[in-house]
Protein backbone atom coordinates (compact mmCIF):
# COMPACT_ATOMS: atom_id res chain seq x y z
CA UNK A 1 -29.73 21.11 84.90
CA UNK A 2 -32.31 18.47 83.99
CA UNK A 3 -32.34 15.05 85.62
CA UNK A 4 -32.55 12.97 82.44
CA UNK A 5 -32.76 9.57 84.16
CA UNK A 6 -35.75 10.65 86.26
CA UNK A 7 -37.38 12.26 83.23
CA UNK A 8 -37.06 9.05 81.27
CA UNK A 9 -38.43 6.91 84.10
CA UNK A 10 -41.41 9.20 84.66
CA UNK A 11 -42.33 9.46 80.98
CA UNK A 12 -41.97 5.72 80.34
CA UNK A 13 -44.31 5.06 83.26
CA UNK A 14 -46.76 7.81 82.23
CA UNK A 15 -47.02 6.66 78.62
CA UNK A 16 -48.21 3.26 79.84
CA UNK A 17 -50.14 4.06 83.02
CA UNK A 18 -51.57 7.57 82.60
CA UNK A 19 -55.17 8.01 83.64
CA UNK A 20 -57.77 8.37 80.90
CA UNK A 21 -59.42 11.67 81.77
CA UNK A 22 -61.82 13.63 79.52
CA UNK A 23 -59.75 16.83 79.64
CA UNK A 24 -56.70 14.90 78.42
CA UNK A 25 -58.35 13.66 75.23
CA UNK A 26 -57.25 16.74 73.30
CA UNK A 27 -54.84 19.56 74.09
CA UNK A 28 -57.32 22.40 74.54
CA UNK A 29 -56.19 25.25 76.80
CA UNK A 30 -59.75 26.16 77.79
CA UNK A 31 -60.52 22.58 78.82
CA UNK A 32 -57.24 22.20 80.70
CA UNK A 33 -57.91 25.42 82.58
CA UNK A 34 -61.51 24.44 83.39
CA UNK A 35 -60.41 21.04 84.69
CA UNK A 36 -57.79 22.57 86.98
CA UNK A 37 -60.36 24.99 88.39
CA UNK A 38 -62.82 22.17 89.07
CA UNK A 39 -60.12 19.95 90.58
CA UNK A 40 -59.18 22.46 93.26
CA UNK A 41 -59.89 20.71 96.59
CA UNK A 42 -62.17 18.25 94.76
CA UNK A 43 -61.56 14.61 93.84
CA UNK A 44 -61.23 13.55 90.21
CA UNK A 45 -64.16 11.11 90.32
CA UNK A 46 -66.41 13.88 91.61
CA UNK A 47 -65.26 16.33 88.94
CA UNK A 48 -65.63 14.11 85.85
CA UNK A 49 -69.47 14.18 85.53
CA UNK A 50 -69.56 17.93 86.24
CA UNK A 51 -66.84 18.54 83.67
CA UNK A 52 -68.68 16.53 81.01
CA UNK A 53 -71.97 18.37 81.62
CA UNK A 54 -70.19 21.71 81.52
CA UNK A 55 -68.34 21.01 78.27
CA UNK A 56 -71.55 19.76 76.65
CA UNK A 57 -73.31 23.05 77.41
CA UNK A 58 -70.30 25.40 77.28
CA UNK A 59 -67.77 23.91 74.84
CA UNK A 60 -65.75 27.10 74.40
CA UNK A 61 -64.46 30.02 76.40
CA UNK A 62 -66.71 32.32 74.36
CA UNK A 63 -69.81 30.35 75.37
CA UNK A 64 -68.91 30.87 79.04
CA UNK A 65 -68.24 34.59 78.60
CA UNK A 66 -71.60 35.05 76.87
CA UNK A 67 -73.54 33.08 79.48
CA UNK A 68 -75.38 34.20 82.60
CA UNK A 69 -73.71 33.61 85.97
CA UNK A 70 -76.92 32.12 87.41
CA UNK A 71 -76.94 29.47 84.67
CA UNK A 72 -73.30 28.64 85.40
CA UNK A 73 -73.93 28.36 89.14
CA UNK A 74 -76.84 26.01 88.46
CA UNK A 75 -74.55 23.76 86.42
CA UNK A 76 -71.93 23.95 89.19
CA UNK A 77 -74.53 23.14 91.86
CA UNK A 78 -73.25 20.46 94.25
CA UNK A 79 -69.58 20.79 93.30
CA UNK A 80 -68.95 23.31 96.07
CA UNK A 81 -66.50 26.20 96.41
CA UNK A 82 -68.74 28.35 94.23
CA UNK A 83 -66.26 31.23 94.10
CA UNK A 84 -64.34 29.06 91.62
CA UNK A 85 -67.25 29.23 89.21
CA UNK A 86 -67.71 32.98 89.59
CA UNK A 87 -63.98 33.64 89.20
CA UNK A 88 -63.81 31.43 86.10
CA UNK A 89 -66.74 33.29 84.57
CA UNK A 90 -65.14 36.67 85.27
CA UNK A 91 -61.77 35.46 83.97
CA UNK A 92 -63.31 34.22 80.72
CA UNK A 93 -64.94 37.60 80.19
CA UNK A 94 -61.60 39.33 80.74
CA UNK A 95 -59.91 37.02 78.23
CA UNK A 96 -62.59 37.86 75.66
CA UNK A 97 -62.42 41.61 76.30
CA UNK A 98 -58.71 42.15 76.94
CA UNK A 99 -57.02 39.33 75.00
CA UNK A 100 -59.35 38.97 72.00
CA UNK A 101 -60.46 35.55 73.22
CA UNK A 102 -56.94 34.09 73.33
CA UNK A 103 -55.91 32.67 76.71
CA UNK A 104 -52.57 34.38 77.48
CA UNK A 105 -49.51 32.13 77.27
CA UNK A 106 -47.54 34.52 79.47
CA UNK A 107 -47.66 33.13 83.01
CA UNK A 108 -47.75 36.56 84.67
CA UNK A 109 -50.71 37.69 82.57
CA UNK A 110 -52.54 34.41 83.06
CA UNK A 111 -51.84 34.45 86.81
CA UNK A 112 -53.44 37.89 87.05
CA UNK A 113 -56.86 36.54 86.03
CA UNK A 114 -59.47 36.04 88.79
CA UNK A 115 -59.14 32.73 90.62
CA UNK A 116 -56.02 31.53 88.80
CA UNK A 117 -53.19 31.68 91.35
CA UNK A 118 -49.68 30.13 91.22
CA UNK A 119 -50.67 26.45 90.96
CA UNK A 120 -53.29 26.76 88.20
CA UNK A 121 -51.03 29.15 86.30
CA UNK A 122 -48.09 26.73 86.42
CA UNK A 123 -50.25 23.69 85.60
CA UNK A 124 -51.93 25.30 82.57
CA UNK A 125 -48.66 26.74 81.27
CA UNK A 126 -47.00 23.31 81.56
CA UNK A 127 -49.82 21.14 80.23
CA UNK A 128 -51.38 23.41 77.60
CA UNK A 129 -48.41 25.50 76.49
CA UNK A 130 -45.57 23.03 77.16
CA UNK A 131 -43.69 25.52 79.32
CA UNK A 132 -41.44 24.54 82.23
CA UNK A 133 -43.18 25.79 85.37
CA UNK A 134 -43.21 23.49 88.43
CA UNK A 135 -46.83 22.99 89.50
CA UNK A 136 -47.42 21.62 92.99
CA UNK A 137 -50.81 20.21 93.96
CA UNK A 138 -51.62 17.93 96.90
CA UNK A 139 -50.60 14.73 95.10
CA UNK A 140 -47.34 16.17 93.76
CA UNK A 141 -46.53 17.64 97.15
CA UNK A 142 -46.93 14.26 98.89
CA UNK A 143 -44.87 12.39 96.28
CA UNK A 144 -42.05 14.92 96.49
CA UNK A 145 -41.99 15.00 100.30
CA UNK A 146 -41.46 11.23 100.21
CA UNK A 147 -39.03 11.32 97.31
CA UNK A 148 -36.81 13.80 99.15
CA UNK A 149 -37.38 12.18 102.56
CA UNK A 150 -38.85 15.33 104.09
CA UNK A 151 -41.14 15.23 107.11
CA UNK A 152 -41.89 18.79 108.14
CA UNK A 153 -44.04 21.03 105.95
CA UNK A 154 -41.87 24.11 106.35
CA UNK A 155 -41.39 26.87 103.80
CA UNK A 156 -37.77 25.78 103.43
CA UNK A 157 -38.81 22.23 102.50
CA UNK A 158 -41.43 23.55 100.09
CA UNK A 159 -38.70 25.55 98.34
CA UNK A 160 -36.59 22.39 98.14
CA UNK A 161 -39.47 20.59 96.45
CA UNK A 162 -39.94 23.43 93.97
CA UNK A 163 -36.23 23.43 93.13
CA UNK A 164 -36.16 19.67 92.65
CA UNK A 165 -39.24 19.73 90.42
CA UNK A 166 -37.51 22.31 88.24
CA UNK A 167 -34.96 19.61 87.37
CA UNK A 168 -37.73 17.17 86.37
CA UNK A 169 -38.41 18.94 83.09
CA UNK A 170 -37.53 18.30 79.48
CA UNK A 171 -39.33 18.65 76.17
CA UNK A 172 -42.56 17.35 77.78
CA UNK A 173 -42.97 19.40 80.98
CA UNK A 174 -46.75 18.94 81.04
CA UNK A 175 -46.44 15.16 80.92
CA UNK A 176 -43.81 15.25 83.68
CA UNK A 177 -46.20 17.17 85.93
CA UNK A 178 -49.13 14.87 85.09
CA UNK A 179 -47.03 11.75 85.65
CA UNK A 180 -46.29 12.81 89.23
CA UNK A 181 -49.96 13.73 89.71
CA UNK A 182 -50.95 10.24 88.60
CA UNK A 183 -48.35 8.58 90.82
CA UNK A 184 -49.77 10.48 93.78
CA UNK A 185 -53.34 9.54 92.91
CA UNK A 186 -52.73 5.84 92.28
CA UNK A 187 -49.61 4.39 93.93
CA UNK A 188 -48.37 7.01 96.41
CA UNK A 189 -51.52 7.84 98.34
CA UNK A 190 -51.82 9.26 101.84
CA UNK A 191 -52.44 5.88 103.51
CA UNK A 192 -51.37 3.47 100.76
CA UNK A 193 -48.20 2.98 98.71
CA UNK A 194 -47.26 0.58 95.93
CA UNK A 195 -43.55 1.32 95.75
CA UNK A 196 -42.75 -1.74 93.64
CA UNK A 197 -44.55 -0.14 90.69
CA UNK A 198 -43.32 3.41 91.23
CA UNK A 199 -40.79 4.79 88.71
CA UNK A 200 -39.24 6.93 91.46
CA UNK A 201 -38.65 4.19 94.05
CA UNK A 202 -34.98 3.56 93.22
CA UNK A 203 -34.08 7.06 94.35
CA UNK A 204 -36.95 7.75 96.79
CA UNK A 205 -35.51 8.45 100.24
CA UNK A 206 -38.73 7.54 102.07
CA UNK A 207 -38.74 4.13 100.33
CA UNK A 208 -35.05 3.62 101.01
CA UNK A 209 -35.60 4.54 104.68
CA UNK A 210 -38.18 1.76 104.95
CA UNK A 211 -41.59 3.34 105.55
CA UNK A 212 -42.90 5.94 103.08
CA UNK A 213 -46.16 6.31 105.02
CA UNK A 214 -44.25 8.16 107.73
CA UNK A 215 -43.62 11.01 105.28
CA UNK A 216 -44.59 13.80 105.62
CA UNK A 217 -45.76 14.40 109.18
CA UNK A 218 -49.58 14.46 109.25
CA UNK A 219 -51.28 17.82 109.42
CA UNK A 220 -52.87 18.57 112.78
CA UNK A 221 -56.62 18.73 112.25
CA UNK A 222 -58.41 21.76 113.66
CA UNK A 223 -61.79 21.53 115.34
CA UNK A 224 -64.57 22.45 112.91
CA UNK A 225 -66.84 25.19 114.32
CA UNK A 226 -70.61 24.66 114.33
CA UNK A 227 -72.83 27.52 113.20
CA UNK A 228 -76.51 27.42 114.16
CA UNK A 229 -79.22 28.68 111.81
CA UNK A 230 -82.99 28.90 111.62
CA UNK A 231 -84.55 28.26 108.21
CA UNK A 232 -88.10 29.29 107.40
CA UNK A 233 -90.57 27.65 105.06
CA UNK A 234 -92.88 30.52 104.10
CA UNK A 235 -95.77 29.94 101.70
CA UNK A 236 -98.07 32.13 99.64
CA UNK A 237 -100.77 30.07 97.99
CA UNK A 238 -98.75 27.14 96.56
CA UNK A 239 -95.45 29.00 96.29
CA UNK A 240 -92.51 29.18 98.71
CA UNK A 241 -90.26 32.13 99.45
CA UNK A 242 -86.57 31.90 98.47
CA UNK A 243 -83.83 34.51 98.81
CA UNK A 244 -80.56 35.02 96.97
CA UNK A 245 -77.34 35.23 98.97
CA UNK A 246 -75.17 38.30 98.49
CA UNK A 247 -72.21 37.83 96.17
CA UNK A 248 -69.65 38.86 98.79
CA UNK A 249 -70.51 36.15 101.34
CA UNK A 250 -69.93 32.39 101.49
CA UNK A 251 -72.09 30.58 98.92
CA UNK A 252 -72.73 33.98 97.36
CA UNK A 253 -75.06 34.08 94.37
CA UNK A 254 -76.92 30.91 95.37
CA UNK A 255 -80.57 30.72 96.36
CA UNK A 256 -81.90 29.38 99.66
CA UNK A 257 -84.89 29.36 101.94
CA UNK A 258 -84.69 32.32 104.37
CA UNK A 259 -82.00 31.14 106.77
CA UNK A 260 -81.16 33.48 109.65
CA UNK A 261 -82.41 34.13 113.16
CA UNK A 262 -86.13 34.85 113.32
CA UNK A 263 -85.67 38.35 114.80
CA UNK A 264 -83.11 39.18 112.10
CA UNK A 265 -85.52 37.96 109.43
CA UNK A 266 -88.20 40.27 110.81
CA UNK A 267 -85.88 43.28 110.90
CA UNK A 268 -84.29 42.64 107.51
CA UNK A 269 -87.47 42.10 105.50
CA UNK A 270 -89.95 43.94 107.76
CA UNK A 271 -91.93 40.76 108.28
CA UNK A 272 -94.52 40.13 110.93
CA UNK A 273 -93.72 36.45 111.22
CA UNK A 274 -95.52 33.66 113.04
CA UNK A 275 -93.88 30.29 113.66
CA UNK A 276 -96.41 27.51 113.16
CA UNK A 277 -94.33 24.40 113.95
CA UNK A 278 -90.91 22.82 113.58
CA UNK A 279 -90.46 20.69 110.47
CA UNK A 280 -87.15 19.15 111.48
CA UNK A 281 -83.42 19.63 111.81
CA UNK A 282 -80.47 18.99 109.49
CA UNK A 283 -76.69 19.13 109.81
CA UNK A 284 -74.44 19.81 106.84
CA UNK A 285 -70.65 19.99 106.81
CA UNK A 286 -68.55 22.27 104.65
CA UNK A 287 -64.75 22.26 104.58
CA UNK A 288 -64.30 24.86 107.32
CA UNK A 289 -67.53 24.81 109.32
CA UNK A 290 -70.67 22.81 110.02
CA UNK A 291 -74.23 24.11 109.68
CA UNK A 292 -76.87 23.03 112.20
CA UNK A 293 -80.22 24.19 110.84
CA UNK A 294 -83.57 24.13 112.62
CA UNK A 295 -86.34 24.24 110.02
CA UNK A 296 -89.71 25.85 110.78
CA UNK A 297 -93.01 26.30 108.99
CA UNK A 298 -93.76 30.02 109.20
CA UNK A 299 -96.45 32.47 108.17
CA UNK A 300 -96.28 36.13 107.11
CA UNK A 301 -99.04 38.27 108.60
CA UNK A 302 -98.47 41.57 106.74
CA UNK A 303 -99.69 40.70 103.24
CA UNK A 304 -98.65 44.09 101.82
CA UNK A 305 -95.11 42.72 101.97
CA UNK A 306 -95.83 40.58 98.90
CA UNK A 307 -96.01 43.53 96.51
CA UNK A 308 -92.81 45.20 97.77
CA UNK A 309 -90.31 42.45 97.01
CA UNK A 310 -87.11 43.01 95.04
CA UNK A 311 -87.47 40.23 92.49
CA UNK A 312 -83.71 40.25 91.87
CA UNK A 313 -82.99 38.71 95.27
CA UNK A 314 -86.34 37.39 96.52
CA UNK A 315 -88.73 35.13 94.63
CA UNK A 316 -91.78 32.97 95.10
CA UNK A 317 -91.42 29.61 93.40
CA UNK A 318 -93.32 26.35 93.21
CA UNK A 319 -91.64 23.05 93.99
CA UNK A 320 -91.57 22.23 90.31
CA UNK A 321 -89.35 25.29 89.81
CA UNK A 322 -86.67 24.21 92.30
CA UNK A 323 -84.49 22.82 89.52
CA UNK A 324 -84.51 26.21 87.79
CA UNK A 325 -82.38 27.75 90.54
CA UNK A 326 -78.98 26.98 92.06
CA UNK A 327 -79.19 26.00 95.75
CA UNK A 328 -76.42 24.83 98.07
CA UNK A 329 -76.49 21.24 99.35
CA UNK A 330 -77.74 22.16 102.81
CA UNK A 331 -80.83 23.71 101.26
CA UNK A 332 -81.55 20.57 99.25
CA UNK A 333 -81.57 18.69 102.56
CA UNK A 334 -84.28 21.08 103.72
CA UNK A 335 -86.29 20.35 100.58
CA UNK A 336 -85.90 16.64 101.38
CA UNK A 337 -87.35 17.31 104.85
CA UNK A 338 -90.42 18.86 103.24
CA UNK A 339 -91.01 15.73 101.19
CA UNK A 340 -90.26 13.39 104.09
CA UNK A 341 -92.73 15.17 106.36
CA UNK A 342 -95.38 15.72 103.67
CA UNK A 343 -95.31 19.48 104.18
């Protein structure tokens, strides 16, 4: 049974205060889907310029399906979580081949596409197809924990949130979902609340209990492991050696300077390698680990190696060609070290 009073309050608030976002300008399923993929674990302000560049170059699902994955990764460069880009590319190709280019409106079929998952499936079905499927992202989760006065992030409480959200639906399920998203992003943040302007405050248990910031209990942060790497700057004439990461590893499909232990580099590529001097050191943090990279100027002694390279995964490029390839952020810090040290 729908909660009509809550529906009305949410929609009245949303119609006045909704965020102006580029993917909301027109109801386009492809654009809604793309935005949800980009927004996974990434802030809206970070996503907006990437989204605009993407839509300018790839305005349709067909244009993505017909593109090259390396070109897509280059456009995605810096946004992180690159598996999202590869999954989106593969999913678009499946839609073109198996669904004649029409994004399936059946949630089970859509959820079966690479990289979709329960949240994206529910969000796209609600927003693009106006179907009632509770979608729970970080913002919605926080708002609902406070609304129901829940502290512990147990599976039971998550089911309670899902059940309650199912009552917050009417003829505009997508707008209901987006209204709660916007409340969570603007007036019901992790460390800030503006309950006086919240359409849910009259029935919000955390507000009624006096301190919404106590809900839910904070997540215990785990120590981030540090992984140590050696990166090599190897030159031939005025070109530098770069290698492509395997698709089945973290940051797969991206290019980088050779970045493993020196003895592993020698064994893997059959290099007789001399270390000339240390260029510097950089630290770069990802979501689940931190990279500590020592960067060395190196020299290859066996010149026959040059003619035996697999050009699909190893290339020699000039510095002017750096922008032609997709590199992860840590590697761009290494390029900055080259400039800083006039190497």
